[in-house]
PDB file of N, CA and C in Angstrom:
ATOM      1  N   MET A   1     133.089  93.649 105.304  1.00  0.00           N
ATOM      2  CA  MET A   1     133.370  94.552 105.710  1.00  0.00           C
ATOM      3  C   MET A   1     132.150  95.818 105.314  1.00  0.00           C
ATOM      4  N   SER A   2     131.872  96.296 106.384  1.00  0.00           N
ATOM      5  CA  SER A   2     130.479  97.014 106.630  1.00  0.00           C
ATOM      6  C   SER A   2     130.612  98.534 106.379  1.00  0.00           C
ATOM      7  N   PRO A   3     129.581  99.028 105.420  1.00  0.00           N
ATOM      8  CA  PRO A   3     130.395 100.532 104.252  1.00  0.00           C
ATOM      9  C   PRO A   3     130.280 101.337 105.734  1.00  0.00           C
ATOM     10  N   ARG A   4     131.089 102.618 106.131  1.00  0.00           N
ATOM     11  CA  ARG A   4     131.386 103.241 106.835  1.00  0.00           C
ATOM     12  C   ARG A   4     130.956 104.645 106.560  1.00  0.00           C
ATOM     13  N   THR A   5     130.673 105.442 107.414  1.00  0.00           N
ATOM     14  CA  THR A   5     130.576 107.009 107.596  1.00  0.00           C
ATOM     15  C   THR A   5     131.293 107.703 108.747  1.00  0.00           C
ATOM     16  N   GLY A   6     132.199 108.260 108.231  1.00  0.00           N
ATOM     17  CA  GLY A   6     133.153 108.969 109.307  1.00  0.00           C
ATOM     18  C   GLY A   6     133.428 107.780 110.569  1.00  0.00           C
ATOM     19  N   ASP A   7     133.248 108.039 111.909  1.00  0.00           N
ATOM     20  CA  ASP A   7     133.397 106.958 112.636  1.00  0.00           C
ATOM     21  C   ASP A   7     132.268 105.636 112.812  1.00  0.00           C
ATOM     22  N   HIS A   8     131.333 105.998 112.180  1.00  0.00           N
ATOM     23  CA  HIS A   8     130.208 105.044 112.131  1.00  0.00           C
ATOM     24  C   HIS A   8     130.458 103.810 111.197  1.00  0.00           C
ATOM     25  N   ALA A   9     130.185 102.676 112.097  1.00  0.00           N
ATOM     26  CA  ALA A   9     130.002 101.281 111.032  1.00  0.00           C
ATOM     27  C   ALA A   9     128.398 100.775 110.983  1.00  0.00           C
ATOM     28  N   TYR A  10     128.151 100.136 110.121  1.00  0.00           N
ATOM     29  CA  TYR A  10     126.695  99.687 109.781  1.00  0.00           C
ATOM     30  C   TYR A  10     126.755  98.247 110.395  1.00  0.00           C
ATOM     31  N   PRO A  11     125.497  97.898 110.951  1.00  0.00           N
ATOM     32  CA  PRO A  11     125.455  96.492 111.187  1.00  0.00           C
ATOM     33  C   PRO A  11     125.400  95.685 109.854  1.00  0.00           C
ATOM     34  N   PRO A  12     125.974  94.825 109.610  1.00  0.00           N
ATOM     35  CA  PRO A  12     125.494  93.818 107.812  1.00  0.00           C
ATOM     36  C   PRO A  12     123.902  93.772 107.904  1.00  0.00           C
ATOM     37  N   GLN A  13     123.217  93.675 108.864  1.00  0.00           N
ATOM     38  CA  GLN A  13     121.734  93.480 108.204  1.00  0.00           C
ATOM     39  C   GLN A  13     121.243  94.473 107.770  1.00  0.00           C
ATOM     40  N   ILE A  14     121.978  95.750 108.146  1.00  0.00           N
ATOM     41  CA  ILE A  14     120.982  97.499 107.467  1.00  0.00           C
ATOM     42  C   ILE A  14     121.748  97.574 106.420  1.00  0.00           C
ATOM     43  N   ALA A  15     123.066  97.207 106.162  1.00  0.00           N
ATOM     44  CA  ALA A  15     123.856  97.340 104.716  1.00  0.00           C
ATOM     45  C   ALA A  15     123.048  97.141 103.609  1.00  0.00           C
ATOM     46  N   ALA A  16     122.975  95.448 104.106  1.00  0.00           N
ATOM     47  CA  ALA A  16     122.564  94.443 102.727  1.00  0.00           C
ATOM     48  C   ALA A  16     121.507  94.277 102.162  1.00  0.00           C
ATOM     49  N   LEU A  17     120.510  95.350 102.654  1.00  0.00           N
ATOM     50  CA  LEU A  17     119.190  95.638 102.835  1.00  0.00           C
ATOM     51  C   LEU A  17     119.011  96.210 100.801  1.00  0.00           C
ATOM     52  N   PRO A  18     118.256  95.656  99.852  1.00  0.00           N
ATOM     53  CA  PRO A  18     118.203  95.815  99.283  1.00  0.00           C
ATOM     54  C   PRO A  18     117.505  97.305  99.090  1.00  0.00           C
ATOM     55  N   LEU A  19     117.745  98.316  97.991  1.00  0.00           N
ATOM     56  CA  LEU A  19     117.278  99.697  97.670  1.00  0.00           C
ATOM     57  C   LEU A  19     115.731  99.431  97.625  1.00  0.00           C
ATOM     58  N   GLN A  20     115.025 100.041  97.811  1.00  0.00           N
ATOM     59  CA  GLN A  20     113.556 100.311  97.409  1.00  0.00           C
ATOM     60  C   GLN A  20     113.104 100.783  96.458  1.00  0.00           C
ATOM     61  N   THR A  21     112.181 100.093  95.736  1.00  0.00           N
ATOM     62  CA  THR A  21     111.310 100.537  94.440  1.00  0.00           C
ATOM     63  C   THR A  21     110.299 101.275  94.392  1.00  0.00           C
ATOM     64  N   GLY A  22     110.356 102.747  94.069  1.00  0.00           N
ATOM     65  CA  GLY A  22     109.156 103.395  94.247  1.00  0.00           C
ATOM     66  C   GLY A  22     109.725 104.602  95.339  1.00  0.00           C
ATOM     67  N   SER A  23     110.926 104.883  95.444  1.00  0.00           N
ATOM     68  CA  SER A  23     112.112 105.887  96.408  1.00  0.00           C
ATOM     69  C   SER A  23     111.993 107.503  95.707  1.00  0.00           C
ATOM     70  N   THR A  24     112.324 108.300  95.813  1.00  0.00           N
ATOM     71  CA  THR A  24     112.918 109.038  95.491  1.00  0.00           C
ATOM     72  C   THR A  24     113.883 109.988  96.498  1.00  0.00           C
ATOM     73  N   LEU A  25     114.892 110.256  95.425  1.00  0.00           N
ATOM     74  CA  LEU A  25     116.124 111.141  95.965  1.00  0.00           C
ATOM     75  C   LEU A  25     115.877 112.516  96.077  1.00  0.00           C
ATOM     76  N   VAL A  26     115.684 112.760  97.600  1.00  0.00           N
ATOM     77  CA  VAL A  26     115.422 114.043  98.199  1.00  0.00           C
ATOM     78  C   VAL A  26     116.906 115.571  98.306  1.00  0.00           C
ATOM     79  N   SER A  27     117.586 115.788  97.067  1.00  0.00           N
ATOM     80  CA  SER A  27     118.170 116.568  97.496  1.00  0.00           C
ATOM     81  C   SER A  27     118.019 117.602  98.227  1.00  0.00           C
ATOM     82  N   ASP A  28     116.554 118.237  97.982  1.00  0.00           N
ATOM     83  CA  ASP A  28     116.381 119.624  98.984  1.00  0.00           C
ATOM     84  C   ASP A  28     116.039 119.121 100.204  1.00  0.00           C
ATOM     85  N   TRP A  29     116.348 119.378 101.432  1.00  0.00           N
ATOM     86  CA  TRP A  29     115.750 118.753 102.476  1.00  0.00           C
ATOM     87  C   TRP A  29     114.727 119.802 103.013  1.00  0.00           C
ATOM     88  N   THR A  30     114.127 120.680 102.609  1.00  0.00           N
ATOM     89  CA  THR A  30     113.425 121.967 102.499  1.00  0.00           C
ATOM     90  C   THR A  30     111.962 120.775 102.259  1.00  0.00           C
ATOM     91  N   LEU A  31     112.401 120.438 101.510  1.00  0.00           N
ATOM     92  CA  LEU A  31     110.892 119.655 101.159  1.00  0.00           C
ATOM     93  C   LEU A  31     110.495 117.825 102.315  1.00  0.00           C
ATOM     94  N   LEU A  32     111.603 117.571 103.045  1.00  0.00           N
ATOM     95  CA  LEU A  32     110.852 116.584 104.013  1.00  0.00           C
ATOM     96  C   LEU A  32     110.161 117.057 105.263  1.00  0.00           C
ATOM     97  N   ARG A  33     109.563 116.299 105.431  1.00  0.00           N
ATOM     98  CA  ARG A  33     108.205 116.608 106.618  1.00  0.00           C
ATOM     99  C   ARG A  33     108.206 115.482 107.916  1.00  0.00           C
ATOM    100  N   ARG A  34     107.989 116.060 108.644  1.00  0.00           N
ATOM    101  CA  ARG A  34     107.837 115.189 109.861  1.00  0.00           C
ATOM    102  C   ARG A  34     106.937 113.850 109.515  1.00  0.00           C
ATOM    103  N   GLY A  35     107.634 112.514 109.657  1.00  0.00           N
ATOM    104  CA  GLY A  35     106.634 111.575 109.771  1.00  0.00           C
ATOM    105  C   GLY A  35     106.819 111.087 108.136  1.00  0.00           C
ATOM    106  N   ASP A  36     107.870 111.365 107.307  1.00  0.00           N
ATOM    107  CA  ASP A  36     108.219 111.024 106.263  1.00  0.00           C
ATOM    108  C   ASP A  36     108.683 110.026 106.085  1.00  0.00           C
ATOM    109  N   LYS A  37     108.440 108.597 105.469  1.00  0.00           N
ATOM    110  CA  LYS A  37     109.421 107.605 105.775  1.00  0.00           C
ATOM    111  C   LYS A  37     110.266 107.741 104.420  1.00  0.00           C
ATOM    112  N   VAL A  38     111.384 107.467 105.680  1.00  0.00           N
ATOM    113  CA  VAL A  38     112.957 107.526 104.254  1.00  0.00           C
ATOM    114  C   VAL A  38     113.748 106.259 104.761  1.00  0.00           C
ATOM    115  N   TYR A  39     115.065 106.280 103.785  1.00  0.00           N
ATOM    116  CA  TYR A  39     116.090 105.330 104.434  1.00  0.00           C
ATOM    117  C   TYR A  39     117.252 106.343 103.821  1.00  0.00           C
ATOM    118  N   LEU A  40     118.758 106.312 104.472  1.00  0.00           N
ATOM    119  CA  LEU A  40     119.942 106.833 103.951  1.00  0.00           C
ATOM    120  C   LEU A  40     120.263 105.741 103.169  1.00  0.00           C
ATOM    121  N   LYS A  41     120.974 106.425 102.107  1.00  0.00           N
ATOM    122  CA  LYS A  41     122.405 105.742 101.296  1.00  0.00           C
ATOM    123  C   LYS A  41     123.522 106.141 101.211  1.00  0.00           C
ATOM    124  N   ASN A  42     124.431 105.496 101.423  1.00  0.00           N
ATOM    125  CA  ASN A  42     125.831 105.781 101.297  1.00  0.00           C
ATOM    126  C   ASN A  42     126.471 104.540 100.685  1.00  0.00           C
ATOM    127  N   ASN A  43     127.359 105.482  99.508  1.00  0.00           N
ATOM    128  CA  ASN A  43     128.118 104.156  98.638  1.00  0.00           C
ATOM    129  C   ASN A  43     127.529 103.263  98.161  1.00  0.00           C
ATOM    130  N   GLY A  44     126.127 102.968  97.499  1.00  0.00           N
ATOM    131  CA  GLY A  44     124.980 101.929  96.915  1.00  0.00           C
ATOM    132  C   GLY A  44     124.476 101.430  98.175  1.00  0.00           C
ATOM    133  N   TYR A  45     125.083 101.521  99.221  1.00  0.00           N
ATOM    134  CA  TYR A  45     123.900 100.546 100.281  1.00  0.00           C
ATOM    135  C   TYR A  45     122.852 101.603 101.530  1.00  0.00           C
ATOM    136  N   ARG A  46     122.059 101.326 101.917  1.00  0.00           N
ATOM    137  CA  ARG A  46     121.111 101.441 102.615  1.00  0.00           C
ATOM    138  C   ARG A  46     121.699 101.344 103.885  1.00  0.00           C
ATOM    139  N   THR A  47     121.852 102.737 104.951  1.00  0.00           N
ATOM    140  CA  THR A  47     122.293 102.705 106.150  1.00  0.00           C
ATOM    141  C   THR A  47     121.604 102.757 107.107  1.00  0.00           C
ATOM    142  N   TYR A  48     120.281 103.511 106.903  1.00  0.00           N
ATOM    143  CA  TYR A  48     119.435 103.559 107.763  1.00  0.00           C
ATOM    144  C   TYR A  48     118.397 103.482 107.165  1.00  0.00           C
ATOM    145  N   SER A  49     117.069 103.406 108.190  1.00  0.00           N
ATOM    146  CA  SER A  49     115.690 103.594 107.306  1.00  0.00           C
ATOM    147  C   SER A  49     114.276 103.643 108.739  1.00  0.00           C
ATOM    148  N   GLY A  50     114.493 104.766 108.394  1.00  0.00           N
ATOM    149  CA  GLY A  50     112.916 105.071 109.369  1.00  0.00           C
ATOM    150  C   GLY A  50     111.859 106.375 109.099  1.00  0.00           C
ATOM    151  N   TYR A  51     111.785 106.863 110.069  1.00  0.00           N
ATOM    152  CA  TYR A  51     111.162 108.185 109.956  1.00  0.00           C
ATOM    153  C   TYR A  51     111.553 109.403 110.208  1.00  0.00           C
ATOM    154  N   ILE A  52     111.270 110.776 109.492  1.00  0.00           N
ATOM    155  CA  ILE A  52     111.504 111.814 109.653  1.00  0.00           C
ATOM    156  C   ILE A  52     110.870 111.794 111.371  1.00  0.00           C
ATOM    157  N   ASP A  53     111.810 112.554 112.432  1.00  0.00           N
ATOM    158  CA  ASP A  53     111.849 112.821 113.434  1.00  0.00           C
ATOM    159  C   ASP A  53     111.293 114.244 113.715  1.00  0.00           C
ATOM    160  N   GLU A  54     112.454 114.883 113.306  1.00  0.00           N
ATOM    161  CA  GLU A  54     112.600 116.406 113.337  1.00  0.00           C
ATOM    162  C   GLU A  54     113.494 116.917 112.475  1.00  0.00           C
ATOM    163  N   LYS A  55     113.732 118.166 112.053  1.00  0.00           N
ATOM    164  CA  LYS A  55     114.519 118.896 111.366  1.00  0.00           C
ATOM    165  C   LYS A  55     114.669 120.178 112.125  1.00  0.00           C
ATOM    166  N   THR A  56     116.056 120.914 111.784  1.00  0.00           N
ATOM    167  CA  THR A  56     116.204 122.097 112.058  1.00  0.00           C
ATOM    168  C   THR A  56     115.590 123.319 111.154  1.00  0.00           C
ATOM    169  N   VAL A  57     115.398 124.403 111.958  1.00  0.00           N
ATOM    170  CA  VAL A  57     114.410 125.585 110.630  1.00  0.00           C
ATOM    171  C   VAL A  57     115.518 125.309 109.317  1.00  0.00           C
ATOM    172  N   ASP A  58     116.590 125.379 109.383  1.00  0.00           N
ATOM    173  CA  ASP A  58     116.970 125.591 108.032  1.00  0.00           C
ATOM    174  C   ASP A  58     117.364 124.104 107.265  1.00  0.00           C
ATOM    175  N   SER A  59     116.744 123.206 107.745  1.00  0.00           N
ATOM    176  CA  SER A  59     116.591 121.672 106.983  1.00  0.00           C
ATOM    177  C   SER A  59     117.967 120.871 106.933  1.00  0.00           C
ATOM    178  N   THR A  60     118.882 121.909 107.565  1.00  0.00           N
ATOM    179  CA  THR A  60     120.674 121.195 107.292  1.00  0.00           C
ATOM    180  C   THR A  60     120.754 119.633 108.371  1.00  0.00           C
ATOM    181  N   ILE A  61     120.224 119.775 109.308  1.00  0.00           N
ATOM    182  CA  ILE A  61     119.960 119.008 110.445  1.00  0.00           C
ATOM    183  C   ILE A  61     118.841 118.158 110.563  1.00  0.00           C
ATOM    184  N   ILE A  62     118.413 116.749 110.183  1.00  0.00           N
ATOM    185  CA  ILE A  62     117.446 115.839 110.697  1.00  0.00           C
ATOM    186  C   ILE A  62     117.744 114.715 111.329  1.00  0.00           C
ATOM    187  N   TRP A  63     116.422 114.520 111.995  1.00  0.00           N
ATOM    188  CA  TRP A  63     116.330 113.240 113.109  1.00  0.00           C
ATOM    189  C   TRP A  63     115.427 112.325 112.334  1.00  0.00           C
ATOM    190  N   LEU A  64     116.046 111.004 112.631  1.00  0.00           N
ATOM    191  CA  LEU A  64     115.362 109.784 112.051  1.00  0.00           C
ATOM    192  C   LEU A  64     114.797 108.958 113.175  1.00  0.00           C
ATOM    193  N   SER A  65     113.864 108.375 113.761  1.00  0.00           N
ATOM    194  CA  SER A  65     113.546 107.032 114.367  1.00  0.00           C
ATOM    195  C   SER A  65     113.092 106.068 113.426  1.00  0.00           C
ATOM    196  N   SER A  66     113.614 104.801 114.148  1.00  0.00           N
ATOM    197  CA  SER A  66     113.596 103.298 113.561  1.00  0.00           C
ATOM    198  C   SER A  66     112.570 103.175 114.549  1.00  0.00           C
ATOM    199  N   ASN A  67     111.313 102.113 113.665  1.00  0.00           N
ATOM    200  CA  ASN A  67     110.648 101.191 114.394  1.00  0.00           C
ATOM    201  C   ASN A  67     111.591 100.183 115.269  1.00  0.00           C
ATOM    202  N   GLY A  68     112.487  99.653 114.889  1.00  0.00           N
ATOM    203  CA  GLY A  68     113.573  98.439 115.318  1.00  0.00           C
ATOM    204  C   GLY A  68     114.602  99.092 116.496  1.00  0.00           C
ATOM    205  N   ALA A  69     115.472  98.253 116.129  1.00  0.00           N
ATOM    206  CA  ALA A  69     116.064  98.520 117.668  1.00  0.00           C
ATOM    207  C   ALA A  69     117.362  98.848 117.183  1.00  0.00           C
ATOM    208  N   PHE A  70     117.670  99.563 116.124  1.00  0.00           N
ATOM    209  CA  PHE A  70     118.517 100.981 115.786  1.00  0.00           C
ATOM    210  C   PHE A  70     118.483 102.096 116.370  1.00  0.00           C
ATOM    211  N   GLY A  71     117.190 102.771 117.072  1.00  0.00           N
ATOM    212  CA  GLY A  71     117.508 103.768 117.707  1.00  0.00           C
ATOM    213  C   GLY A  71     117.123 104.842 116.691  1.00  0.00           C
ATOM    214  N   ARG A  72     117.156 106.119 117.325  1.00  0.00           N
ATOM    215  CA  ARG A  72     117.540 107.967 116.445  1.00  0.00           C
ATOM    216  C   ARG A  72     118.579 108.017 115.805  1.00  0.00           C
ATOM    217  N   ARG A  73     118.747 108.644 115.167  1.00  0.00           N
ATOM    218  CA  ARG A  73     120.129 108.488 113.913  1.00  0.00           C
ATOM    219  C   ARG A  73     119.798 110.379 113.569  1.00  0.00           C
ATOM    220  N   MET A  74     121.055 110.978 113.689  1.00  0.00           N
ATOM    221  CA  MET A  74     120.800 112.368 112.941  1.00  0.00           C
ATOM    222  C   MET A  74     122.345 112.275 111.608  1.00  0.00           C
ATOM    223  N   ALA A  75     121.254 113.167 110.983  1.00  0.00           N
ATOM    224  CA  ALA A  75     122.103 113.532 109.498  1.00  0.00           C
ATOM    225  C   ALA A  75     122.035 115.080 109.389  1.00  0.00           C
ATOM    226  N   TYR A  76     123.471 115.103 109.168  1.00  0.00           N
ATOM    227  CA  TYR A  76     123.922 116.350 108.414  1.00  0.00           C
ATOM    228  C   TYR A  76     123.449 116.617 106.550  1.00  0.00           C
ATOM    229  N   HIS A  77     123.229 117.558 106.362  1.00  0.00           N
ATOM    230  CA  HIS A  77     122.949 118.113 104.952  1.00  0.00           C
ATOM    231  C   HIS A  77     124.622 117.845 103.877  1.00  0.00           C
ATOM    232  N   SER A  78     125.395 118.313 104.946  1.00  0.00           N
ATOM    233  CA  SER A  78     126.706 117.915 104.125  1.00  0.00           C
ATOM    234  C   SER A  78     127.350 116.788 104.336  1.00  0.00           C
ATOM    235  N   ASP A  79     126.615 115.836 104.863  1.00  0.00           N
ATOM    236  CA  ASP A  79     127.429 114.377 105.163  1.00  0.00           C
ATOM    237  C   ASP A  79     127.460 113.577 103.360  1.00  0.00           C
ATOM    238  N   THR A  80     127.815 112.757 103.404  1.00  0.00           N
ATOM    239  CA  THR A  80     127.600 112.125 102.490  1.00  0.00           C
ATOM    240  C   THR A  80     126.587 111.147 102.090  1.00  0.00           C
ATOM    241  N   GLU A  81     125.767 111.103 103.035  1.00  0.00           N
ATOM    242  CA  GLU A  81     124.524 110.052 102.287  1.00  0.00           C
ATOM    243  C   GLU A  81     123.668 110.687 102.298  1.00  0.00           C
ATOM    244  N   GLN A  82     122.864 109.736 101.078  1.00  0.00           N
ATOM    245  CA  GLN A  82     121.185 110.294 100.562  1.00  0.00           C
ATOM    246  C   GLN A  82     120.638 110.234 101.259  1.00  0.00           C
ATOM    247  N   VAL A  83     119.492 111.003 101.014  1.00  0.00           N
ATOM    248  CA  VAL A  83     118.027 110.878 102.000  1.00  0.00           C
ATOM    249  C   VAL A  83     117.012 110.446 100.677  1.00  0.00           C
ATOM    250  N   TRP A  84     116.597 109.172 100.903  1.00  0.00           N
ATOM    251  CA  TRP A  84     115.335 108.500  99.894  1.00  0.00           C
ATOM    252  C   TRP A  84     114.038 108.392 100.399  1.00  0.00           C
ATOM    253  N   ARG A  85     113.147 109.105  99.876  1.00  0.00           N
ATOM    254  CA  ARG A  85     111.820 109.111 100.454  1.00  0.00           C
ATOM    255  C   ARG A  85     110.943 108.149  99.907  1.00  0.00           C
ATOM    256  N   VAL A  86     110.406 107.229 100.534  1.00  0.00           N
ATOM    257  CA  VAL A  86     109.727 106.104  99.910  1.00  0.00           C
ATOM    258  C   VAL A  86     108.154 106.378  99.691  1.00  0.00           C
ATOM    259  N   GLU A  87     107.789 106.670  98.499  1.00  0.00           N
ATOM    260  CA  GLU A  87     106.343 106.551  97.883  1.00  0.00           C
ATOM    261  C   GLU A  87     105.486 105.715  98.626  1.00  0.00           C
TER     262      GLU A  87
END
C-alpha cells in the first residue's frame, strides 16, 4: 500500500525512493528559497522530489516543481510532510 497524505496516494516508484544523505530538515520555511532542491517526507517515505517554485509571503505554502512526470505540487506548512533540502 502506498503512503497517503489526506486524499493523495503516492506512486510506489516515488514512495520507494531512498532518502538522500547530505539533506537537511527545514522546519522554518522562511529559510527556503526559490530554486532550492528539496524532497518531501511523510511517515518515513519520500513522497515528492523537486525544486521550490514559489512560496507565499508568510512561507506557509510552497509550490514544488519536478523535472519528471509528476508535475507541480503544493504543500502546506501545517501538513504532516517534512521538507528536506538537498545539500
